[in-house]
Amino acid sequence: MISLQGPLSKSLLESILQETGSRLPDPGKNNERQASIAGTSVEVGRTGYTGEPLGFEIFCPADRAVAIWEKSFTMAPARGLTP
């Protein structure tokens, strides 16, 4: 699982998902949606397990986690985000 938290997490994840026509899960705790990132089928969730008011979790196969991490953070520095 890769967690993406904070006030810019929504816009970053939306940008990543738009490339494949995927969408964010509906607002609300514990909502999930299937999506595609870096050529991999993933589940994007809003479990809220960290206590952040705005955050997402990307559930992916372990062997694809690095590729998804790299895709997710390709756009991050330009937006002022850090891992």
N, C-alpha and C. Protein backbone atom coordinates (compact mmCIF):
# COMPACT_ATOMS: atom_id res chain seq x y z
N MET A 1 0.84 -1.18 0.00
CA MET A 1 0.00 0.00 0.00
C MET A 1 0.89 1.24 0.00
N ILE A 2 0.48 2.21 -0.77
CA ILE A 2 1.14 3.52 -0.79
C ILE A 2 0.10 4.53 -0.32
N SER A 3 0.45 5.33 0.67
CA SER A 3 -0.46 6.36 1.18
C SER A 3 -0.09 7.71 0.60
N LEU A 4 -1.10 8.45 0.23
CA LEU A 4 -0.92 9.80 -0.30
C LEU A 4 -1.82 10.71 0.53
N GLN A 5 -1.21 11.54 1.35
CA GLN A 5 -1.95 12.34 2.32
C GLN A 5 -1.69 13.82 2.15
N GLY A 6 -2.59 14.64 2.64
CA GLY A 6 -2.39 16.07 2.70
C GLY A 6 -3.25 16.85 1.73
N PRO A 7 -3.20 18.17 1.81
CA PRO A 7 -4.11 19.03 1.05
C PRO A 7 -3.96 18.95 -0.47
N LEU A 8 -2.79 18.54 -0.96
CA LEU A 8 -2.60 18.45 -2.42
C LEU A 8 -2.76 17.03 -2.95
N SER A 9 -3.07 16.08 -2.08
CA SER A 9 -3.15 14.69 -2.50
C SER A 9 -4.25 14.46 -3.54
N LYS A 10 -5.36 15.12 -3.39
CA LYS A 10 -6.46 14.92 -4.33
C LYS A 10 -6.09 15.38 -5.74
N SER A 11 -5.53 16.57 -5.87
CA SER A 11 -5.20 17.08 -7.21
C SER A 11 -4.09 16.24 -7.86
N LEU A 12 -3.11 15.80 -7.08
CA LEU A 12 -2.05 14.96 -7.63
C LEU A 12 -2.62 13.63 -8.12
N LEU A 13 -3.40 12.97 -7.29
CA LEU A 13 -3.94 11.67 -7.67
C LEU A 13 -4.91 11.79 -8.84
N GLU A 14 -5.71 12.84 -8.86
CA GLU A 14 -6.60 13.06 -10.02
C GLU A 14 -5.81 13.17 -11.31
N SER A 15 -4.69 13.89 -11.28
CA SER A 15 -3.85 14.04 -12.47
C SER A 15 -3.30 12.70 -12.94
N ILE A 16 -2.86 11.90 -12.01
CA ILE A 16 -2.32 10.58 -12.34
C ILE A 16 -3.40 9.69 -12.94
N LEU A 17 -4.58 9.70 -12.33
CA LEU A 17 -5.66 8.82 -12.77
C LEU A 17 -6.26 9.26 -14.10
N GLN A 18 -6.26 10.55 -14.39
CA GLN A 18 -6.84 11.05 -15.65
C GLN A 18 -6.15 10.46 -16.87
N GLU A 19 -4.88 10.13 -16.74
CA GLU A 19 -4.14 9.57 -17.86
C GLU A 19 -4.74 8.26 -18.35
N THR A 20 -5.41 7.52 -17.47
CA THR A 20 -5.99 6.23 -17.85
C THR A 20 -7.53 6.25 -17.82
N GLY A 21 -8.09 7.42 -17.61
CA GLY A 21 -9.55 7.52 -17.54
C GLY A 21 -10.13 7.01 -16.24
N SER A 22 -9.27 6.78 -15.25
CA SER A 22 -9.73 6.33 -13.93
C SER A 22 -10.19 7.52 -13.11
N ARG A 23 -10.94 7.24 -12.06
CA ARG A 23 -11.44 8.32 -11.19
C ARG A 23 -11.15 8.01 -9.73
N LEU A 24 -11.21 9.05 -8.94
CA LEU A 24 -11.06 8.89 -7.49
C LEU A 24 -12.28 8.17 -6.92
N PRO A 25 -12.12 7.55 -5.76
CA PRO A 25 -13.30 7.00 -5.09
C PRO A 25 -14.20 8.14 -4.63
N ASP A 26 -15.47 7.85 -4.47
CA ASP A 26 -16.40 8.85 -3.96
C ASP A 26 -15.96 9.31 -2.58
N PRO A 27 -16.25 10.58 -2.24
CA PRO A 27 -15.90 11.06 -0.90
C PRO A 27 -16.56 10.21 0.18
N GLY A 28 -15.88 10.08 1.28
CA GLY A 28 -16.43 9.32 2.41
C GLY A 28 -15.47 8.25 2.85
N LYS A 29 -15.46 8.01 4.13
CA LYS A 29 -14.55 7.03 4.71
C LYS A 29 -14.84 5.63 4.18
N ASN A 30 -13.77 4.91 3.87
CA ASN A 30 -13.79 3.52 3.43
C ASN A 30 -14.34 3.30 2.03
N ASN A 31 -14.45 4.34 1.23
CA ASN A 31 -14.85 4.16 -0.17
C ASN A 31 -13.62 3.76 -0.97
N GLU A 32 -13.85 2.90 -1.97
CA GLU A 32 -12.77 2.43 -2.84
C GLU A 32 -13.23 2.44 -4.28
N ARG A 33 -12.25 2.45 -5.18
CA ARG A 33 -12.54 2.36 -6.61
C ARG A 33 -11.37 1.69 -7.30
N GLN A 34 -11.66 0.84 -8.28
CA GLN A 34 -10.60 0.26 -9.10
C GLN A 34 -10.10 1.33 -10.05
N ALA A 35 -8.79 1.30 -10.28
CA ALA A 35 -8.17 2.28 -11.16
C ALA A 35 -6.95 1.64 -11.80
N SER A 36 -6.28 2.41 -12.63
CA SER A 36 -5.05 1.95 -13.26
C SER A 36 -3.99 3.03 -13.11
N ILE A 37 -2.82 2.60 -12.64
CA ILE A 37 -1.66 3.50 -12.50
C ILE A 37 -0.44 2.74 -13.01
N ALA A 38 0.31 3.38 -13.89
CA ALA A 38 1.53 2.79 -14.43
C ALA A 38 1.28 1.40 -15.01
N GLY A 39 0.16 1.25 -15.69
CA GLY A 39 -0.16 -0.01 -16.34
C GLY A 39 -0.58 -1.12 -15.39
N THR A 40 -0.92 -0.77 -14.17
CA THR A 40 -1.27 -1.76 -13.15
C THR A 40 -2.66 -1.48 -12.60
N SER A 41 -3.45 -2.53 -12.46
CA SER A 41 -4.76 -2.41 -11.83
C SER A 41 -4.55 -2.26 -10.33
N VAL A 42 -5.13 -1.22 -9.76
CA VAL A 42 -4.99 -0.94 -8.33
C VAL A 42 -6.36 -0.64 -7.73
N GLU A 43 -6.42 -0.65 -6.42
CA GLU A 43 -7.59 -0.16 -5.69
C GLU A 43 -7.17 1.14 -5.03
N VAL A 44 -7.95 2.18 -5.22
CA VAL A 44 -7.69 3.46 -4.56
C VAL A 44 -8.75 3.61 -3.48
N GLY A 45 -8.31 3.81 -2.26
CA GLY A 45 -9.23 3.89 -1.14
C GLY A 45 -9.12 5.19 -0.38
N ARG A 46 -10.13 5.38 0.47
CA ARG A 46 -10.17 6.52 1.39
C ARG A 46 -10.46 5.99 2.78
N THR A 47 -9.53 5.21 3.32
CA THR A 47 -9.81 4.59 4.61
C THR A 47 -9.68 5.57 5.77
N GLY A 48 -8.86 6.59 5.60
CA GLY A 48 -8.68 7.56 6.68
C GLY A 48 -7.90 7.01 7.86
N TYR A 49 -7.14 5.94 7.64
CA TYR A 49 -6.46 5.28 8.76
C TYR A 49 -5.42 6.17 9.44
N THR A 50 -4.89 7.16 8.74
CA THR A 50 -3.88 8.02 9.36
C THR A 50 -4.49 9.18 10.14
N GLY A 51 -5.77 9.38 9.98
CA GLY A 51 -6.43 10.49 10.65
C GLY A 51 -6.43 11.77 9.84
N GLU A 52 -5.78 11.77 8.68
CA GLU A 52 -5.78 12.95 7.81
C GLU A 52 -7.18 13.17 7.25
N PRO A 53 -7.64 14.42 7.20
CA PRO A 53 -8.97 14.68 6.62
C PRO A 53 -9.02 14.44 5.12
N LEU A 54 -7.88 14.56 4.44
CA LEU A 54 -7.85 14.31 3.01
C LEU A 54 -6.65 13.42 2.70
N GLY A 55 -6.94 12.21 2.26
CA GLY A 55 -5.87 11.30 1.95
C GLY A 55 -6.40 10.08 1.22
N PHE A 56 -5.49 9.38 0.57
CA PHE A 56 -5.84 8.22 -0.24
C PHE A 56 -4.82 7.12 -0.01
N GLU A 57 -5.25 5.89 -0.25
CA GLU A 57 -4.36 4.75 -0.20
C GLU A 57 -4.43 4.05 -1.55
N ILE A 58 -3.29 3.65 -2.05
CA ILE A 58 -3.22 2.92 -3.31
C ILE A 58 -2.80 1.50 -2.97
N PHE A 59 -3.71 0.57 -3.15
CA PHE A 59 -3.44 -0.84 -2.88
C PHE A 59 -3.01 -1.49 -4.19
N CYS A 60 -1.80 -2.04 -4.19
CA CYS A 60 -1.22 -2.55 -5.42
C CYS A 60 -0.43 -3.82 -5.15
N PRO A 61 -0.15 -4.59 -6.21
CA PRO A 61 0.73 -5.75 -6.04
C PRO A 61 2.12 -5.28 -5.62
N ALA A 62 2.74 -6.01 -4.72
CA ALA A 62 4.05 -5.62 -4.19
C ALA A 62 5.09 -5.46 -5.30
N ASP A 63 5.03 -6.31 -6.31
CA ASP A 63 6.04 -6.23 -7.36
C ASP A 63 5.86 -5.04 -8.30
N ARG A 64 4.78 -4.29 -8.14
CA ARG A 64 4.53 -3.10 -8.96
C ARG A 64 4.60 -1.82 -8.14
N ALA A 65 4.87 -1.94 -6.85
CA ALA A 65 4.86 -0.78 -5.95
C ALA A 65 5.89 0.28 -6.36
N VAL A 66 7.07 -0.13 -6.76
CA VAL A 66 8.11 0.85 -7.13
C VAL A 66 7.68 1.63 -8.37
N ALA A 67 7.13 0.95 -9.37
CA ALA A 67 6.68 1.64 -10.59
C ALA A 67 5.55 2.62 -10.28
N ILE A 68 4.66 2.23 -9.40
CA ILE A 68 3.54 3.11 -9.03
C ILE A 68 4.07 4.29 -8.21
N TRP A 69 4.99 4.03 -7.29
CA TRP A 69 5.62 5.11 -6.51
C TRP A 69 6.28 6.11 -7.45
N GLU A 70 7.07 5.61 -8.39
CA GLU A 70 7.77 6.51 -9.32
C GLU A 70 6.79 7.32 -10.16
N LYS A 71 5.74 6.70 -10.63
CA LYS A 71 4.72 7.42 -11.41
C LYS A 71 4.06 8.48 -10.54
N SER A 72 3.75 8.14 -9.32
CA SER A 72 3.06 9.06 -8.42
C SER A 72 3.90 10.28 -8.10
N PHE A 73 5.20 10.09 -7.98
CA PHE A 73 6.04 11.21 -7.57
C PHE A 73 6.78 11.88 -8.72
N THR A 74 6.50 11.50 -9.94
CA THR A 74 7.05 12.21 -11.10
C THR A 74 6.56 13.65 -11.11
N MET A 75 5.29 13.83 -10.74
CA MET A 75 4.68 15.16 -10.76
C MET A 75 4.80 15.89 -9.42
N ALA A 76 5.18 15.19 -8.39
CA ALA A 76 5.17 15.76 -7.03
C ALA A 76 6.07 16.98 -6.84
N PRO A 77 7.35 16.95 -7.25
CA PRO A 77 8.20 18.12 -6.99
C PRO A 77 7.68 19.42 -7.59
N ALA A 78 7.09 19.33 -8.77
CA ALA A 78 6.55 20.54 -9.42
C ALA A 78 5.38 21.11 -8.63
N ARG A 79 4.77 20.29 -7.81
CA ARG A 79 3.62 20.73 -7.01
C ARG A 79 4.02 21.02 -5.56
N GLY A 80 5.31 20.91 -5.27
CA GLY A 80 5.76 21.19 -3.92
C GLY A 80 5.54 20.04 -2.95
N LEU A 81 5.38 18.82 -3.46
CA LEU A 81 5.13 17.66 -2.60
C LEU A 81 6.42 16.90 -2.37
N THR A 82 6.52 16.28 -1.22
CA THR A 82 7.69 15.46 -0.90
C THR A 82 7.23 14.10 -0.39
N PRO A 83 8.04 13.08 -0.64
CA PRO A 83 7.70 11.75 -0.11
C PRO A 83 7.89 11.71 1.40
